[in-house]
């Protein structure tokens, strides 16, 4: 009742509360809005809320995170794991040569 779908259904409130759509609205818009999320969509939404990450397709999310300076929200938390190549190298020597 408080969303734009309800306001658009009430033509009088739509003009006061909602901007015009920049593209044609899909014919089945109300059924799309009222459709429950799948388990995968719900988990993705929860992850985005927890991390402050943009929600959408992978390419769009990465592009948008970059434009907004949110790249850290798309990477795993914590320090990056060491790779075997970094661990296998020679130990650094002390400054005095020992």
PDB file of N, CA and C in Angstrom:
ATOM      1  N   UNK A   1       0.816  -1.181   0.000  1.00  0.00           N
ATOM      2  CA  UNK A   1       0.000   0.000   0.000  1.00  0.00           C
ATOM      3  C   UNK A   1       0.867   1.254   0.000  1.00  0.00           C
ATOM      4  N   UNK A   2       2.115   1.152   0.491  1.00  0.00           N
ATOM      5  CA  UNK A   2       2.958   2.339   0.570  1.00  0.00           C
ATOM      6  C   UNK A   2       3.913   2.462  -0.601  1.00  0.00           C
ATOM      7  N   UNK A   3       3.937   1.498  -1.473  1.00  0.00           N
ATOM      8  CA  UNK A   3       4.872   1.512  -2.587  1.00  0.00           C
ATOM      9  C   UNK A   3       4.325   2.226  -3.809  1.00  0.00           C
ATOM     10  N   UNK A   4       5.185   2.334  -4.811  1.00  0.00           N
ATOM     11  CA  UNK A   4       4.800   3.028  -6.034  1.00  0.00           C
ATOM     12  C   UNK A   4       3.744   2.251  -6.822  1.00  0.00           C
ATOM     13  N   UNK A   5       3.698   0.928  -6.680  1.00  0.00           N
ATOM     14  CA  UNK A   5       2.680   0.141  -7.388  1.00  0.00           C
ATOM     15  C   UNK A   5       1.280   0.578  -6.961  1.00  0.00           C
ATOM     16  N   UNK A   6       1.082   0.736  -5.668  1.00  0.00           N
ATOM     17  CA  UNK A   6      -0.210   1.178  -5.160  1.00  0.00           C
ATOM     18  C   UNK A   6      -0.507   2.605  -5.609  1.00  0.00           C
ATOM     19  N   UNK A   7       0.498   3.465  -5.563  1.00  0.00           N
ATOM     20  CA  UNK A   7       0.292   4.855  -5.987  1.00  0.00           C
ATOM     21  C   UNK A   7      -0.062   4.931  -7.464  1.00  0.00           C
ATOM     22  N   UNK A   8       0.576   4.109  -8.284  1.00  0.00           N
ATOM     23  CA  UNK A   8       0.274   4.120  -9.712  1.00  0.00           C
ATOM     24  C   UNK A   8      -1.119   3.578 -10.000  1.00  0.00           C
ATOM     25  N   UNK A   9      -1.580   2.632  -9.172  1.00  0.00           N
ATOM     26  CA  UNK A   9      -2.933   2.102  -9.345  1.00  0.00           C
ATOM     27  C   UNK A   9      -3.969   3.182  -9.041  1.00  0.00           C
ATOM     28  N   UNK A  10      -3.617   4.082  -8.124  1.00  0.00           N
ATOM     29  CA  UNK A  10      -4.480   5.212  -7.795  1.00  0.00           C
ATOM     30  C   UNK A  10      -3.969   6.401  -8.606  1.00  0.00           C
ATOM     31  N   UNK A  11      -4.563   6.627  -9.773  1.00  0.00           N
ATOM     32  CA  UNK A  11      -4.070   7.641 -10.697  1.00  0.00           C
ATOM     33  C   UNK A  11      -3.836   9.000 -10.071  1.00  0.00           C
ATOM     34  N   UNK A  12      -4.630   9.384  -9.076  1.00  0.00           N
ATOM     35  CA  UNK A  12      -4.487  10.696  -8.450  1.00  0.00           C
ATOM     36  C   UNK A  12      -3.170  10.787  -7.668  1.00  0.00           C
ATOM     37  N   UNK A  13      -2.853   9.759  -6.895  1.00  0.00           N
ATOM     38  CA  UNK A  13      -1.607   9.764  -6.108  1.00  0.00           C
ATOM     39  C   UNK A  13      -0.378   9.585  -6.991  1.00  0.00           C
ATOM     40  N   UNK A  14      -0.510   8.917  -8.110  1.00  0.00           N
ATOM     41  CA  UNK A  14       0.645   8.635  -8.969  1.00  0.00           C
ATOM     42  C   UNK A  14       1.335   9.918  -9.405  1.00  0.00           C
ATOM     43  N   UNK A  15       0.563  10.918  -9.785  1.00  0.00           N
ATOM     44  CA  UNK A  15       1.149  12.172 -10.232  1.00  0.00           C
ATOM     45  C   UNK A  15       1.892  12.903  -9.135  1.00  0.00           C
ATOM     46  N   UNK A  16       1.462  12.738  -7.895  1.00  0.00           N
ATOM     47  CA  UNK A  16       2.106  13.420  -6.773  1.00  0.00           C
ATOM     48  C   UNK A  16       3.342  12.688  -6.277  1.00  0.00           C
ATOM     49  N   UNK A  17       3.352  11.347  -6.376  1.00  0.00           N
ATOM     50  CA  UNK A  17       4.392  10.558  -5.733  1.00  0.00           C
ATOM     51  C   UNK A  17       5.419   9.946  -6.672  1.00  0.00           C
ATOM     52  N   UNK A  18       5.078   9.766  -7.921  1.00  0.00           N
ATOM     53  CA  UNK A  18       5.933   8.989  -8.807  1.00  0.00           C
ATOM     54  C   UNK A  18       6.343   9.784 -10.045  1.00  0.00           C
ATOM     55  N   UNK A  19       7.606   9.646 -10.409  1.00  0.00           N
ATOM     56  CA  UNK A  19       8.057  10.198 -11.689  1.00  0.00           C
ATOM     57  C   UNK A  19       7.584   9.278 -12.809  1.00  0.00           C
ATOM     58  N   UNK A  20       7.556   9.820 -14.008  1.00  0.00           N
ATOM     59  CA  UNK A  20       7.202   8.999 -15.169  1.00  0.00           C
ATOM     60  C   UNK A  20       8.285   7.941 -15.390  1.00  0.00           C
ATOM     61  N   UNK A  21       7.885   6.798 -15.908  1.00  0.00           N
ATOM     62  CA  UNK A  21       8.845   5.745 -16.209  1.00  0.00           C
ATOM     63  C   UNK A  21       9.736   6.194 -17.362  1.00  0.00           C
ATOM     64  N   UNK A  22      11.039   5.890 -17.307  1.00  0.00           N
ATOM     65  CA  UNK A  22      11.916   6.247 -18.429  1.00  0.00           C
ATOM     66  C   UNK A  22      11.761   5.297 -19.622  1.00  0.00           C
ATOM     67  N   UNK A  23      11.135   4.150 -19.389  1.00  0.00           N
ATOM     68  CA  UNK A  23      10.860   3.164 -20.444  1.00  0.00           C
ATOM     69  C   UNK A  23       9.405   2.727 -20.290  1.00  0.00           C
ATOM     70  N   UNK A  24       8.896   1.999 -21.276  1.00  0.00           N
ATOM     71  CA  UNK A  24       7.531   1.487 -21.164  1.00  0.00           C
ATOM     72  C   UNK A  24       7.457   0.477 -20.028  1.00  0.00           C
ATOM     73  N   UNK A  25       6.429   0.594 -19.202  1.00  0.00           N
ATOM     74  CA  UNK A  25       6.232  -0.341 -18.089  1.00  0.00           C
ATOM     75  C   UNK A  25       5.741  -1.667 -18.644  1.00  0.00           C
ATOM     76  N   UNK A  26       6.283  -2.792 -18.168  1.00  0.00           N
ATOM     77  CA  UNK A  26       5.801  -4.097 -18.643  1.00  0.00           C
ATOM     78  C   UNK A  26       4.312  -4.267 -18.340  1.00  0.00           C
ATOM     79  N   UNK A  27       3.601  -4.954 -19.239  1.00  0.00           N
ATOM     80  CA  UNK A  27       2.166  -5.165 -19.052  1.00  0.00           C
ATOM     81  C   UNK A  27       1.866  -5.952 -17.788  1.00  0.00           C
ATOM     82  N   UNK A  28       2.733  -6.873 -17.432  1.00  0.00           N
ATOM     83  CA  UNK A  28       2.488  -7.722 -16.261  1.00  0.00           C
ATOM     84  C   UNK A  28       3.217  -7.192 -15.021  1.00  0.00           C
ATOM     85  N   UNK A  29       3.392  -5.878 -14.929  1.00  0.00           N
ATOM     86  CA  UNK A  29       4.191  -5.292 -13.851  1.00  0.00           C
ATOM     87  C   UNK A  29       3.668  -5.655 -12.464  1.00  0.00           C
ATOM     88  N   UNK A  30       2.362  -5.553 -12.220  1.00  0.00           N
ATOM     89  CA  UNK A  30       1.843  -5.835 -10.876  1.00  0.00           C
ATOM     90  C   UNK A  30       2.071  -7.297 -10.485  1.00  0.00           C
ATOM     91  N   UNK A  31       1.937  -8.222 -11.421  1.00  0.00           N
ATOM     92  CA  UNK A  31       2.187  -9.631 -11.073  1.00  0.00           C
ATOM     93  C   UNK A  31       3.680  -9.876 -10.841  1.00  0.00           C
ATOM     94  N   UNK A  32       4.539  -9.164 -11.560  1.00  0.00           N
ATOM     95  CA  UNK A  32       5.986  -9.294 -11.338  1.00  0.00           C
ATOM     96  C   UNK A  32       6.371  -8.759  -9.963  1.00  0.00           C
ATOM     97  N   UNK A  33       5.784  -7.634  -9.584  1.00  0.00           N
ATOM     98  CA  UNK A  33       6.087  -7.034  -8.280  1.00  0.00           C
ATOM     99  C   UNK A  33       5.571  -7.917  -7.148  1.00  0.00           C
ATOM    100  N   UNK A  34       4.406  -8.496  -7.315  1.00  0.00           N
ATOM    101  CA  UNK A  34       3.778  -9.285  -6.252  1.00  0.00           C
ATOM    102  C   UNK A  34       4.243 -10.737  -6.204  1.00  0.00           C
ATOM    103  N   UNK A  35       5.055 -11.168  -7.164  1.00  0.00           N
ATOM    104  CA  UNK A  35       5.567 -12.543  -7.176  1.00  0.00           C
ATOM    105  C   UNK A  35       6.559 -12.728  -6.031  1.00  0.00           C
ATOM    106  N   UNK A  36       6.426 -13.803  -5.239  1.00  0.00           N
ATOM    107  CA  UNK A  36       7.396 -14.030  -4.166  1.00  0.00           C
ATOM    108  C   UNK A  36       8.785 -14.346  -4.741  1.00  0.00           C
ATOM    109  N   UNK A  37       9.814 -13.962  -4.019  1.00  0.00           N
ATOM    110  CA  UNK A  37      11.178 -14.261  -4.450  1.00  0.00           C
ATOM    111  C   UNK A  37      11.446 -15.757  -4.305  1.00  0.00           C
ATOM    112  N   UNK A  38      12.312 -16.266  -5.182  1.00  0.00           N
ATOM    113  CA  UNK A  38      12.758 -17.645  -5.023  1.00  0.00           C
ATOM    114  C   UNK A  38      13.757 -17.685  -3.868  1.00  0.00           C
ATOM    115  N   UNK A  39      14.082 -18.870  -3.402  1.00  0.00           N
ATOM    116  CA  UNK A  39      15.060 -19.006  -2.315  1.00  0.00           C
ATOM    117  C   UNK A  39      16.406 -18.406  -2.724  1.00  0.00           C
ATOM    118  N   UNK A  40      16.807 -18.613  -3.981  1.00  0.00           N
ATOM    119  CA  UNK A  40      18.095 -18.074  -4.454  1.00  0.00           C
ATOM    120  C   UNK A  40      18.062 -16.543  -4.511  1.00  0.00           C
ATOM    121  N   UNK A  41      16.941 -15.976  -4.985  1.00  0.00           N
ATOM    122  CA  UNK A  41      16.816 -14.510  -5.030  1.00  0.00           C
ATOM    123  C   UNK A  41      16.833 -13.920  -3.628  1.00  0.00           C
ATOM    124  N   UNK A  42      16.145 -14.566  -2.703  1.00  0.00           N
ATOM    125  CA  UNK A  42      16.099 -14.076  -1.329  1.00  0.00           C
ATOM    126  C   UNK A  42      17.482 -14.103  -0.690  1.00  0.00           C
ATOM    127  N   UNK A  43      18.230 -15.172  -0.913  1.00  0.00           N
ATOM    128  CA  UNK A  43      19.593 -15.258  -0.368  1.00  0.00           C
ATOM    129  C   UNK A  43      20.490 -14.192  -0.985  1.00  0.00           C
ATOM    130  N   UNK A  44      20.359 -13.964  -2.292  1.00  0.00           N
ATOM    131  CA  UNK A  44      21.152 -12.919  -2.949  1.00  0.00           C
ATOM    132  C   UNK A  44      20.798 -11.536  -2.401  1.00  0.00           C
ATOM    133  N   UNK A  45      19.520 -11.273  -2.180  1.00  0.00           N
ATOM    134  CA  UNK A  45      19.092 -10.002  -1.596  1.00  0.00           C
ATOM    135  C   UNK A  45      19.669  -9.822  -0.194  1.00  0.00           C
ATOM    136  N   UNK A  46      19.613 -10.880   0.605  1.00  0.00           N
ATOM    137  CA  UNK A  46      20.151 -10.796   1.971  1.00  0.00           C
ATOM    138  C   UNK A  46      21.653 -10.527   1.964  1.00  0.00           C
ATOM    139  N   UNK A  47      22.373 -11.172   1.062  1.00  0.00           N
ATOM    140  CA  UNK A  47      23.817 -10.939   0.956  1.00  0.00           C
ATOM    141  C   UNK A  47      24.097  -9.489   0.578  1.00  0.00           C
ATOM    142  N   UNK A  48      23.350  -8.959  -0.370  1.00  0.00           N
ATOM    143  CA  UNK A  48      23.546  -7.571  -0.792  1.00  0.00           C
ATOM    144  C   UNK A  48      23.252  -6.600   0.339  1.00  0.00           C
ATOM    145  N   UNK A  49      22.228  -6.877   1.118  1.00  0.00           N
ATOM    146  CA  UNK A  49      21.907  -6.007   2.255  1.00  0.00           C
ATOM    147  C   UNK A  49      23.017  -6.077   3.301  1.00  0.00           C
ATOM    148  N   UNK A  50      23.494  -7.295   3.610  1.00  0.00           N
ATOM    149  CA  UNK A  50      24.563  -7.441   4.609  1.00  0.00           C
ATOM    150  C   UNK A  50      25.840  -6.732   4.189  1.00  0.00           C
ATOM    151  N   UNK A  51      26.186  -6.802   2.920  1.00  0.00           N
ATOM    152  CA  UNK A  51      27.452  -6.256   2.437  1.00  0.00           C
ATOM    153  C   UNK A  51      27.347  -4.843   1.882  1.00  0.00           C
ATOM    154  N   UNK A  52      26.127  -4.318   1.714  1.00  0.00           N
ATOM    155  CA  UNK A  52      25.970  -3.005   1.101  1.00  0.00           C
ATOM    156  C   UNK A  52      26.292  -3.035  -0.379  1.00  0.00           C
ATOM    157  N   UNK A  53      26.054  -4.176  -0.987  1.00  0.00           N
ATOM    158  CA  UNK A  53      26.391  -4.437  -2.388  1.00  0.00           C
ATOM    159  C   UNK A  53      25.193  -4.136  -3.285  1.00  0.00           C
ATOM    160  N   UNK A  54      25.406  -3.567  -4.471  1.00  0.00           N
ATOM    161  CA  UNK A  54      24.280  -3.370  -5.399  1.00  0.00           C
ATOM    162  C   UNK A  54      23.665  -4.708  -5.791  1.00  0.00           C
ATOM    163  N   UNK A  55      22.338  -4.758  -5.887  1.00  0.00           N
ATOM    164  CA  UNK A  55      21.640  -5.983  -6.265  1.00  0.00           C
ATOM    165  C   UNK A  55      21.304  -5.947  -7.742  1.00  0.00           C
ATOM    166  N   UNK A  56      21.661  -6.985  -8.447  1.00  0.00           N
ATOM    167  CA  UNK A  56      21.349  -7.094  -9.871  1.00  0.00           C
ATOM    168  C   UNK A  56      22.214  -8.174 -10.483  1.00  0.00           C
ATOM    169  N   UNK A  57      22.246  -8.203 -11.809  1.00  0.00           N
ATOM    170  CA  UNK A  57      23.087  -9.163 -12.512  1.00  0.00           C
ATOM    171  C   UNK A  57      24.557  -8.940 -12.177  1.00  0.00           C
ATOM    172  N   UNK A  58      25.378  -9.967 -12.364  1.00  0.00           N
ATOM    173  CA  UNK A  58      26.788  -9.902 -11.971  1.00  0.00           C
ATOM    174  C   UNK A  58      27.528  -8.746 -12.648  1.00  0.00           C
ATOM    175  N   UNK A  59      27.399  -8.624 -13.950  1.00  0.00           N
ATOM    176  CA  UNK A  59      28.121  -7.560 -14.665  1.00  0.00           C
ATOM    177  C   UNK A  59      27.640  -6.182 -14.227  1.00  0.00           C
ATOM    178  N   UNK A  60      26.323  -6.012 -14.103  1.00  0.00           N
ATOM    179  CA  UNK A  60      25.779  -4.722 -13.679  1.00  0.00           C
ATOM    180  C   UNK A  60      26.223  -4.382 -12.261  1.00  0.00           C
ATOM    181  N   UNK A  61      26.186  -5.380 -11.354  1.00  0.00           N
ATOM    182  CA  UNK A  61      26.580  -5.139  -9.964  1.00  0.00           C
ATOM    183  C   UNK A  61      28.036  -4.701  -9.866  1.00  0.00           C
ATOM    184  N   UNK A  62      28.927  -5.367 -10.602  1.00  0.00           N
ATOM    185  CA  UNK A  62      30.344  -4.992 -10.577  1.00  0.00           C
ATOM    186  C   UNK A  62      30.551  -3.595 -11.149  1.00  0.00           C
ATOM    187  N   UNK A  63      29.892  -3.305 -12.256  1.00  0.00           N
ATOM    188  CA  UNK A  63      30.011  -1.988 -12.891  1.00  0.00           C
ATOM    189  C   UNK A  63      29.484  -0.887 -11.960  1.00  0.00           C
ATOM    190  N   UNK A  64      28.351  -1.136 -11.334  1.00  0.00           N
ATOM    191  CA  UNK A  64      27.744  -0.155 -10.443  1.00  0.00           C
ATOM    192  C   UNK A  64      28.574   0.019  -9.178  1.00  0.00           C
ATOM    193  N   UNK A  65      29.068  -1.075  -8.614  1.00  0.00           N
ATOM    194  CA  UNK A  65      29.925  -0.981  -7.428  1.00  0.00           C
ATOM    195  C   UNK A  65      31.170  -0.156  -7.746  1.00  0.00           C
ATOM    196  N   UNK A  66      31.748  -0.350  -8.924  1.00  0.00           N
ATOM    197  CA  UNK A  66      32.920   0.433  -9.323  1.00  0.00           C
ATOM    198  C   UNK A  66      32.595   1.906  -9.467  1.00  0.00           C
ATOM    199  N   UNK A  67      31.461   2.200 -10.069  1.00  0.00           N
ATOM    200  CA  UNK A  67      31.066   3.604 -10.273  1.00  0.00           C
ATOM    201  C   UNK A  67      30.784   4.307  -8.954  1.00  0.00           C
ATOM    202  N   UNK A  68      30.325   3.548  -7.949  1.00  0.00           N
ATOM    203  CA  UNK A  68      29.972   4.135  -6.662  1.00  0.00           C
ATOM    204  C   UNK A  68      31.070   4.002  -5.615  1.00  0.00           C
ATOM    205  N   UNK A  69      32.226   3.433  -6.008  1.00  0.00           N
ATOM    206  CA  UNK A  69      33.314   3.248  -5.049  1.00  0.00           C
ATOM    207  C   UNK A  69      33.023   2.161  -4.023  1.00  0.00           C
ATOM    208  N   UNK A  70      32.272   1.148  -4.411  1.00  0.00           N
ATOM    209  CA  UNK A  70      31.888   0.065  -3.502  1.00  0.00           C
ATOM    210  C   UNK A  70      32.563  -1.254  -3.858  1.00  0.00           C
ATOM    211  N   UNK A  71      33.735  -1.197  -4.477  1.00  0.00           N
ATOM    212  CA  UNK A  71      34.393  -2.432  -4.921  1.00  0.00           C
ATOM    213  C   UNK A  71      34.603  -3.419  -3.775  1.00  0.00           C
ATOM    214  N   UNK A  72      34.876  -2.911  -2.572  1.00  0.00           N
ATOM    215  CA  UNK A  72      35.136  -3.797  -1.433  1.00  0.00           C
ATOM    216  C   UNK A  72      33.925  -4.659  -1.094  1.00  0.00           C
ATOM    217  N   UNK A  73      32.724  -4.236  -1.462  1.00  0.00           N
ATOM    218  CA  UNK A  73      31.531  -5.025  -1.154  1.00  0.00           C
ATOM    219  C   UNK A  73      31.407  -6.244  -2.054  1.00  0.00           C
ATOM    220  N   UNK A  74      32.173  -6.291  -3.138  1.00  0.00           N
ATOM    221  CA  UNK A  74      32.076  -7.412  -4.078  1.00  0.00           C
ATOM    222  C   UNK A  74      33.165  -8.460  -3.833  1.00  0.00           C
ATOM    223  N   UNK A  75      34.114  -8.142  -2.950  1.00  0.00           N
ATOM    224  CA  UNK A  75      35.196  -9.091  -2.653  1.00  0.00           C
ATOM    225  C   UNK A  75      34.907  -9.825  -1.350  1.00  0.00           C
ATOM    226  N   UNK A  76      35.512 -11.005  -1.167  1.00  0.00           N
ATOM    227  CA  UNK A  76      35.332 -11.709   0.110  1.00  0.00           C
ATOM    228  C   UNK A  76      35.885 -10.876   1.261  1.00  0.00           C
ATOM    229  N   UNK A  77      35.314 -11.031   2.425  1.00  0.00           N
ATOM    230  CA  UNK A  77      35.790 -10.309   3.602  1.00  0.00           C
ATOM    231  C   UNK A  77      37.116 -10.871   4.087  1.00  0.00           C
ATOM    232  N   UNK A  78      37.894 -10.024   4.737  1.00  0.00           N
ATOM    233  CA  UNK A  78      39.150 -10.456   5.336  1.00  0.00           C
ATOM    234  C   UNK A  78      40.324 -10.337   4.385  1.00  0.00           C
ATOM    235  N   UNK A  79      41.488 -10.737   4.889  1.00  0.00           N
ATOM    236  CA  UNK A  79      42.699 -10.705   4.072  1.00  0.00           C
ATOM    237  C   UNK A  79      42.643 -11.778   3.011  1.00  0.00           C
ATOM    238  N   UNK A  80      43.229 -11.501   1.860  1.00  0.00           N
ATOM    239  CA  UNK A  80      43.289 -12.550   0.836  1.00  0.00           C
ATOM    240  C   UNK A  80      44.134 -13.723   1.334  1.00  0.00           C
ATOM    241  N   UNK A  81      43.747 -14.910   0.967  1.00  0.00           N
ATOM    242  CA  UNK A  81      44.534 -16.098   1.348  1.00  0.00           C
ATOM    243  C   UNK A  81      45.850 -16.102   0.604  1.00  0.00           C
ATOM    244  N   UNK A  82      46.872 -16.613   1.271  1.00  0.00           N
ATOM    245  CA  UNK A  82      48.172 -16.740   0.623  1.00  0.00           C
ATOM    246  C   UNK A  82      48.098 -17.848  -0.413  1.00  0.00           C
ATOM    247  N   UNK A  83      48.788 -17.625  -1.531  1.00  0.00           N
ATOM    248  CA  UNK A  83      48.834 -18.657  -2.563  1.00  0.00           C
ATOM    249  C   UNK A  83      50.053 -19.524  -2.316  1.00  0.00           C
ATOM    250  N   UNK A  84      50.044 -20.779  -2.764  1.00  0.00           N
ATOM    251  CA  UNK A  84      51.194 -21.665  -2.543  1.00  0.00           C
ATOM    252  C   UNK A  84      52.499 -21.085  -3.094  1.00  0.00           C
ATOM    253  N   UNK A  85      52.445 -20.340  -4.206  1.00  0.00           N
ATOM    254  CA  UNK A  85      53.668 -19.775  -4.790  1.00  0.00           C
ATOM    255  C   UNK A  85      54.317 -18.774  -3.838  1.00  0.00           C
ATOM    256  N   UNK A  86      53.524 -18.000  -3.126  1.00  0.00           N
ATOM    257  CA  UNK A  86      54.064 -17.022  -2.195  1.00  0.00           C
ATOM    258  C   UNK A  86      54.680 -17.702  -0.980  1.00  0.00           C
ATOM    259  N   UNK A  87      54.104 -18.807  -0.533  1.00  0.00           N
ATOM    260  CA  UNK A  87      54.600 -19.508   0.649  1.00  0.00           C
ATOM    261  C   UNK A  87      55.860 -20.320   0.349  1.00  0.00           C
ATOM    262  N   UNK A  88      56.053 -20.745  -0.894  1.00  0.00           N
ATOM    263  CA  UNK A  88      57.148 -21.650  -1.229  1.00  0.00           C
ATOM    264  C   UNK A  88      58.470 -20.932  -1.470  1.00  0.00           C
ATOM    265  N   UNK A  89      58.463 -19.616  -1.520  1.00  0.00           N
ATOM    266  CA  UNK A  89      59.679 -18.864  -1.825  1.00  0.00           C
ATOM    267  C   UNK A  89      60.706 -18.918  -0.707  1.00  0.00           C
ATOM    268  N   UNK A  90      61.892 -18.399  -0.998  1.00  0.00           N
ATOM    269  CA  UNK A  90      62.978 -18.360  -0.024  1.00  0.00           C
ATOM    270  C   UNK A  90      62.638 -17.377   1.081  1.00  0.00           C
ATOM    271  N   UNK A  91      63.056 -17.703   2.304  1.00  0.00           N
ATOM    272  CA  UNK A  91      62.803 -16.811   3.433  1.00  0.00           C
ATOM    273  C   UNK A  91      63.643 -15.553   3.294  1.00  0.00           C
ATOM    274  N   UNK A  92      63.123 -14.399   3.648  1.00  0.00           N
ATOM    275  CA  UNK A  92      63.918 -13.168   3.556  1.00  0.00           C
ATOM    276  C   UNK A  92      65.085 -13.198   4.523  1.00  0.00           C
ATOM    277  N   UNK A  93      66.192 -12.633   4.110  1.00  0.00           N
ATOM    278  CA  UNK A  93      67.369 -12.598   4.972  1.00  0.00           C
ATOM    279  C   UNK A  93      67.336 -11.353   5.839  1.00  0.00           C
ATOM    280  N   UNK A  94      68.012 -11.439   6.966  1.00  0.00           N
ATOM    281  CA  UNK A  94      68.102 -10.298   7.857  1.00  0.00           C
ATOM    282  C   UNK A  94      68.949  -9.220   7.209  1.00  0.00           C
ATOM    283  N   UNK A  95      68.788  -7.999   7.649  1.00  0.00           N
ATOM    284  CA  UNK A  95      69.501  -6.869   7.058  1.00  0.00           C
ATOM    285  C   UNK A  95      71.022  -7.021   7.191  1.00  0.00           C
ATOM    286  N   UNK A  96      71.523  -7.596   8.277  1.00  0.00           N
ATOM    287  CA  UNK A  96      72.951  -7.716   8.461  1.00  0.00           C
ATOM    288  C   UNK A  96      73.563  -8.879   7.678  1.00  0.00           C
ATOM    289  N   UNK A  97      72.772  -9.534   6.830  1.00  0.00           N
ATOM    290  CA  UNK A  97      73.294 -10.586   5.962  1.00  0.00           C
ATOM    291  C   UNK A  97      73.282 -11.956   6.580  1.00  0.00           C
ATOM    292  N   UNK A  98      72.854 -12.131   7.813  1.00  0.00           N
ATOM    293  CA  UNK A  98      72.865 -13.450   8.438  1.00  0.00           C
ATOM    294  C   UNK A  98      71.640 -14.233   8.091  1.00  0.00           C
TER     295      UNK A  98
END
